[in-house]
PDB file of N, CA and C in Angstrom:
ATOM      1  N   MET A   1     -30.450   0.050  10.439  1.00  0.00           N
ATOM      2  CA  MET A   1     -29.325  -0.589  11.082  1.00  0.00           C
ATOM      3  C   MET A   1     -28.658   0.435  11.998  1.00  0.00           C
ATOM      4  N   ASN A   2     -28.425   0.064  13.231  1.00  0.00           N
ATOM      5  CA  ASN A   2     -27.694   0.899  14.178  1.00  0.00           C
ATOM      6  C   ASN A   2     -26.276   0.369  14.280  1.00  0.00           C
ATOM      7  N   PHE A   3     -25.319   1.275  14.193  1.00  0.00           N
ATOM      8  CA  PHE A   3     -23.906   0.906  14.242  1.00  0.00           C
ATOM      9  C   PHE A   3     -23.228   1.794  15.272  1.00  0.00           C
ATOM     10  N   THR A   4     -22.662   1.204  16.298  1.00  0.00           N
ATOM     11  CA  THR A   4     -22.010   1.961  17.360  1.00  0.00           C
ATOM     12  C   THR A   4     -20.526   1.654  17.377  1.00  0.00           C
ATOM     13  N   VAL A   5     -19.716   2.702  17.387  1.00  0.00           N
ATOM     14  CA  VAL A   5     -18.264   2.569  17.446  1.00  0.00           C
ATOM     15  C   VAL A   5     -17.792   3.171  18.752  1.00  0.00           C
ATOM     16  N   VAL A   6     -17.002   2.421  19.500  1.00  0.00           N
ATOM     17  CA  VAL A   6     -16.437   2.918  20.748  1.00  0.00           C
ATOM     18  C   VAL A   6     -14.924   2.957  20.577  1.00  0.00           C
ATOM     19  N   ASN A   7     -14.376   4.169  20.493  1.00  0.00           N
ATOM     20  CA  ASN A   7     -12.929   4.335  20.349  1.00  0.00           C
ATOM     21  C   ASN A   7     -12.280   4.304  21.722  1.00  0.00           C
ATOM     22  N   LYS A   8     -11.307   3.439  21.873  1.00  0.00           N
ATOM     23  CA  LYS A   8     -10.577   3.348  23.127  1.00  0.00           C
ATOM     24  C   LYS A   8      -9.100   3.554  22.853  1.00  0.00           C
ATOM     25  N   GLU A   9      -8.326   3.653  23.900  1.00  0.00           N
ATOM     26  CA  GLU A   9      -6.899   3.883  23.782  1.00  0.00           C
ATOM     27  C   GLU A   9      -6.215   2.688  23.124  1.00  0.00           C
ATOM     28  N   ILE A  10      -5.217   2.978  22.294  1.00  0.00           N
ATOM     29  CA  ILE A  10      -4.467   1.918  21.625  1.00  0.00           C
ATOM     30  C   ILE A  10      -2.978   2.154  21.859  1.00  0.00           C
ATOM     31  N   HIS A  11      -2.254   1.082  22.083  1.00  0.00           N
ATOM     32  CA  HIS A  11      -0.797   1.174  22.271  1.00  0.00           C
ATOM     33  C   HIS A  11      -0.140   0.161  21.343  1.00  0.00           C
ATOM     34  N   VAL A  12       0.758   0.640  20.499  1.00  0.00           N
ATOM     35  CA  VAL A  12       1.487  -0.229  19.564  1.00  0.00           C
ATOM     36  C   VAL A  12       2.941  -0.217  19.994  1.00  0.00           C
ATOM     37  N   GLY A  13       3.473  -1.397  20.312  1.00  0.00           N
ATOM     38  CA  GLY A  13       4.841  -1.483  20.801  1.00  0.00           C
ATOM     39  C   GLY A  13       5.885  -1.471  19.698  1.00  0.00           C
ATOM     40  N   ASN A  14       5.749  -2.356  18.705  1.00  0.00           N
ATOM     41  CA  ASN A  14       6.768  -2.479  17.669  1.00  0.00           C
ATOM     42  C   ASN A  14       6.100  -2.911  16.372  1.00  0.00           C
ATOM     43  N   ILE A  15       6.544  -2.318  15.265  1.00  0.00           N
ATOM     44  CA  ILE A  15       6.027  -2.676  13.948  1.00  0.00           C
ATOM     45  C   ILE A  15       7.219  -2.907  13.031  1.00  0.00           C
ATOM     46  N   GLU A  16       7.176  -4.005  12.300  1.00  0.00           N
ATOM     47  CA  GLU A  16       8.219  -4.290  11.311  1.00  0.00           C
ATOM     48  C   GLU A  16       7.537  -4.544   9.975  1.00  0.00           C
ATOM     49  N   ILE A  17       7.835  -3.708   8.994  1.00  0.00           N
ATOM     50  CA  ILE A  17       7.268  -3.856   7.657  1.00  0.00           C
ATOM     51  C   ILE A  17       8.378  -4.376   6.757  1.00  0.00           C
ATOM     52  N   VAL A  18       8.141  -5.538   6.163  1.00  0.00           N
ATOM     53  CA  VAL A  18       9.155  -6.183   5.323  1.00  0.00           C
ATOM     54  C   VAL A  18       9.093  -5.649   3.904  1.00  0.00           C
ATOM     55  N   GLY A  19       7.904  -5.391   3.389  1.00  0.00           N
ATOM     56  CA  GLY A  19       7.775  -4.882   2.027  1.00  0.00           C
ATOM     57  C   GLY A  19       6.392  -4.303   1.812  1.00  0.00           C
ATOM     58  N   VAL A  20       6.276  -3.520   0.766  1.00  0.00           N
ATOM     59  CA  VAL A  20       4.995  -2.932   0.409  1.00  0.00           C
ATOM     60  C   VAL A  20       4.734  -3.193  -1.070  1.00  0.00           C
ATOM     61  N   SER A  21       3.478  -3.109  -1.458  1.00  0.00           N
ATOM     62  CA  SER A  21       3.137  -3.273  -2.863  1.00  0.00           C
ATOM     63  C   SER A  21       2.987  -1.894  -3.489  1.00  0.00           C
ATOM     64  N   THR A  22       2.633  -1.875  -4.755  1.00  0.00           N
ATOM     65  CA  THR A  22       2.489  -0.589  -5.441  1.00  0.00           C
ATOM     66  C   THR A  22       1.278   0.190  -4.947  1.00  0.00           C
ATOM     67  N   SER A  23       0.388  -0.476  -4.282  1.00  0.00           N
ATOM     68  CA  SER A  23      -0.804   0.173  -3.756  1.00  0.00           C
ATOM     69  C   SER A  23      -0.986  -0.288  -2.315  1.00  0.00           C
ATOM     70  N   SER A  24      -0.486   0.489  -1.359  1.00  0.00           N
ATOM     71  CA  SER A  24      -0.484   0.063   0.036  1.00  0.00           C
ATOM     72  C   SER A  24      -1.037   1.147   0.947  1.00  0.00           C
ATOM     73  N   VAL A  25      -1.694   0.709   2.000  1.00  0.00           N
ATOM     74  CA  VAL A  25      -2.147   1.597   3.067  1.00  0.00           C
ATOM     75  C   VAL A  25      -1.830   0.904   4.384  1.00  0.00           C
ATOM     76  N   PHE A  26      -1.189   1.610   5.289  1.00  0.00           N
ATOM     77  CA  PHE A  26      -0.875   1.088   6.614  1.00  0.00           C
ATOM     78  C   PHE A  26      -1.461   2.048   7.627  1.00  0.00           C
ATOM     79  N   ILE A  27      -2.418   1.585   8.399  1.00  0.00           N
ATOM     80  CA  ILE A  27      -3.126   2.458   9.333  1.00  0.00           C
ATOM     81  C   ILE A  27      -3.116   1.825  10.718  1.00  0.00           C
ATOM     82  N   ILE A  28      -2.826   2.634  11.717  1.00  0.00           N
ATOM     83  CA  ILE A  28      -3.015   2.247  13.114  1.00  0.00           C
ATOM     84  C   ILE A  28      -4.038   3.221  13.670  1.00  0.00           C
ATOM     85  N   GLY A  29      -5.120   2.694  14.173  1.00  0.00           N
ATOM     86  CA  GLY A  29      -6.167   3.563  14.696  1.00  0.00           C
ATOM     87  C   GLY A  29      -7.279   3.718  13.686  1.00  0.00           C
ATOM     88  N   ASP A  30      -7.939   4.855  13.728  1.00  0.00           N
ATOM     89  CA  ASP A  30      -9.054   5.060  12.819  1.00  0.00           C
ATOM     90  C   ASP A  30      -8.776   6.244  11.905  1.00  0.00           C
ATOM     91  N   ALA A  31      -9.511   6.301  10.832  1.00  0.00           N
ATOM     92  CA  ALA A  31      -9.369   7.382   9.855  1.00  0.00           C
ATOM     93  C   ALA A  31     -10.752   7.776   9.378  1.00  0.00           C
ATOM     94  N   LYS A  32     -11.001   9.057   9.348  1.00  0.00           N
ATOM     95  CA  LYS A  32     -12.300   9.524   8.874  1.00  0.00           C
ATOM     96  C   LYS A  32     -12.365   9.454   7.350  1.00  0.00           C
ATOM     97  N   THR A  33     -11.286   9.864   6.692  1.00  0.00           N
ATOM     98  CA  THR A  33     -11.250   9.877   5.233  1.00  0.00           C
ATOM     99  C   THR A  33      -9.889   9.399   4.750  1.00  0.00           C
ATOM    100  N   ILE A  34      -9.891   8.554   3.734  1.00  0.00           N
ATOM    101  CA  ILE A  34      -8.654   8.128   3.081  1.00  0.00           C
ATOM    102  C   ILE A  34      -8.780   8.497   1.610  1.00  0.00           C
ATOM    103  N   SER A  35      -7.860   9.299   1.101  1.00  0.00           N
ATOM    104  CA  SER A  35      -7.870   9.702  -0.305  1.00  0.00           C
ATOM    105  C   SER A  35      -6.700   9.048  -1.014  1.00  0.00           C
ATOM    106  N   MET A  36      -6.964   8.518  -2.169  1.00  0.00           N
ATOM    107  CA  MET A  36      -5.919   7.873  -2.951  1.00  0.00           C
ATOM    108  C   MET A  36      -5.553   8.769  -4.127  1.00  0.00           C
ATOM    109  N   ALA A  37      -4.267   8.790  -4.462  1.00  0.00           N
ATOM    110  CA  ALA A  37      -3.789   9.568  -5.600  1.00  0.00           C
ATOM    111  C   ALA A  37      -2.681   8.799  -6.290  1.00  0.00           C
ATOM    112  N   SER A  38      -2.450   9.119  -7.535  1.00  0.00           N
ATOM    113  CA  SER A  38      -1.413   8.445  -8.291  1.00  0.00           C
ATOM    114  C   SER A  38      -0.731   9.455  -9.196  1.00  0.00           C
ATOM    115  N   ALA A  39       0.579   9.317  -9.335  1.00  0.00           N
ATOM    116  CA  ALA A  39       1.341  10.207 -10.209  1.00  0.00           C
ATOM    117  C   ALA A  39       2.461   9.425 -10.856  1.00  0.00           C
ATOM    118  N   PHE A  40       2.696   9.664 -12.128  1.00  0.00           N
ATOM    119  CA  PHE A  40       3.795   9.034 -12.847  1.00  0.00           C
ATOM    120  C   PHE A  40       4.733  10.120 -13.331  1.00  0.00           C
ATOM    121  N   ASP A  41       6.026   9.902 -13.132  1.00  0.00           N
ATOM    122  CA  ASP A  41       6.996  10.858 -13.653  1.00  0.00           C
ATOM    123  C   ASP A  41       7.687  10.293 -14.896  1.00  0.00           C
ATOM    124  N   THR A  42       7.165   9.190 -15.423  1.00  0.00           N
ATOM    125  CA  THR A  42       7.731   8.562 -16.608  1.00  0.00           C
ATOM    126  C   THR A  42       6.824   8.857 -17.797  1.00  0.00           C
ATOM    127  N   PRO A  43       7.387   9.241 -18.933  1.00  0.00           N
ATOM    128  CA  PRO A  43       6.526   9.474 -20.099  1.00  0.00           C
ATOM    129  C   PRO A  43       5.810   8.190 -20.511  1.00  0.00           C
ATOM    130  N   PRO A  44       4.569   8.271 -20.970  1.00  0.00           N
ATOM    131  CA  PRO A  44       3.803   7.069 -21.312  1.00  0.00           C
ATOM    132  C   PRO A  44       4.472   6.196 -22.363  1.00  0.00           C
ATOM    133  N   GLU A  45       5.216   6.797 -23.301  1.00  0.00           N
ATOM    134  CA  GLU A  45       5.833   6.000 -24.366  1.00  0.00           C
ATOM    135  C   GLU A  45       6.988   5.126 -23.867  1.00  0.00           C
ATOM    136  N   SER A  46       7.497   5.398 -22.665  1.00  0.00           N
ATOM    137  CA  SER A  46       8.581   4.564 -22.135  1.00  0.00           C
ATOM    138  C   SER A  46       8.058   3.441 -21.241  1.00  0.00           C
ATOM    139  N   LEU A  47       6.765   3.394 -21.008  1.00  0.00           N
ATOM    140  CA  LEU A  47       6.161   2.356 -20.188  1.00  0.00           C
ATOM    141  C   LEU A  47       5.913   1.117 -21.042  1.00  0.00           C
ATOM    142  N   ILE A  48       6.445  -0.001 -20.614  1.00  0.00           N
ATOM    143  CA  ILE A  48       6.295  -1.250 -21.360  1.00  0.00           C
ATOM    144  C   ILE A  48       5.368  -2.164 -20.569  1.00  0.00           C
ATOM    145  N   ILE A  49       4.247  -2.524 -21.164  1.00  0.00           N
ATOM    146  CA  ILE A  49       3.318  -3.454 -20.540  1.00  0.00           C
ATOM    147  C   ILE A  49       3.250  -4.681 -21.440  1.00  0.00           C
ATOM    148  N   GLY A  50       3.641  -5.795 -20.914  1.00  0.00           N
ATOM    149  CA  GLY A  50       3.638  -7.017 -21.713  1.00  0.00           C
ATOM    150  C   GLY A  50       3.985  -8.193 -20.840  1.00  0.00           C
ATOM    151  N   PRO A  51       4.280  -9.332 -21.470  1.00  0.00           N
ATOM    152  CA  PRO A  51       4.631 -10.511 -20.678  1.00  0.00           C
ATOM    153  C   PRO A  51       5.927 -10.283 -19.910  1.00  0.00           C
ATOM    154  N   TYR A  52       5.926 -10.705 -18.673  1.00  0.00           N
ATOM    155  CA  TYR A  52       7.112 -10.538 -17.853  1.00  0.00           C
ATOM    156  C   TYR A  52       8.046 -11.727 -18.077  1.00  0.00           C
ATOM    157  N   VAL A  53       9.320 -11.444 -18.221  1.00  0.00           N
ATOM    158  CA  VAL A  53      10.316 -12.491 -18.406  1.00  0.00           C
ATOM    159  C   VAL A  53      10.975 -12.740 -17.075  1.00  0.00           C
ATOM    160  N   PRO A  54      10.846 -13.932 -16.507  1.00  0.00           N
ATOM    161  CA  PRO A  54      11.465 -14.193 -15.207  1.00  0.00           C
ATOM    162  C   PRO A  54      12.989 -14.184 -15.318  1.00  0.00           C
ATOM    163  N   LEU A  55      13.620 -13.680 -14.297  1.00  0.00           N
ATOM    164  CA  LEU A  55      15.084 -13.661 -14.266  1.00  0.00           C
ATOM    165  C   LEU A  55      15.589 -15.019 -13.792  1.00  0.00           C
ATOM    166  N   ALA A  56      16.468 -15.607 -14.567  1.00  0.00           N
ATOM    167  CA  ALA A  56      17.029 -16.915 -14.215  1.00  0.00           C
ATOM    168  C   ALA A  56      18.254 -16.709 -13.348  1.00  0.00           C
ATOM    169  N   PRO A  57      18.446 -17.548 -12.331  1.00  0.00           N
ATOM    170  CA  PRO A  57      19.647 -17.411 -11.505  1.00  0.00           C
ATOM    171  C   PRO A  57      20.898 -17.753 -12.326  1.00  0.00           C
ATOM    172  N   GLN A  58      21.949 -16.991 -12.079  1.00  0.00           N
ATOM    173  CA  GLN A  58      23.211 -17.262 -12.789  1.00  0.00           C
ATOM    174  C   GLN A  58      23.877 -18.479 -12.170  1.00  0.00           C
ATOM    175  N   GLY A  59      24.317 -19.387 -13.002  1.00  0.00           N
ATOM    176  CA  GLY A  59      24.868 -20.616 -12.483  1.00  0.00           C
ATOM    177  C   GLY A  59      26.202 -20.970 -12.947  1.00  0.00           C
TER     178      GLY A  59
END
């Protein structure tokens, strides 16, 4: 398989980001390498994983 990439000039006028998730990548242009890393500053015993309780609106 032959794969040809032609990089040309790019111009970005305006970007508006409303929100991000816990695992997000935002790239304009190209990237040769993307490395992912993760770090927690919370002790494991304080992390609660279980059913989520939805917050009810106060009425």
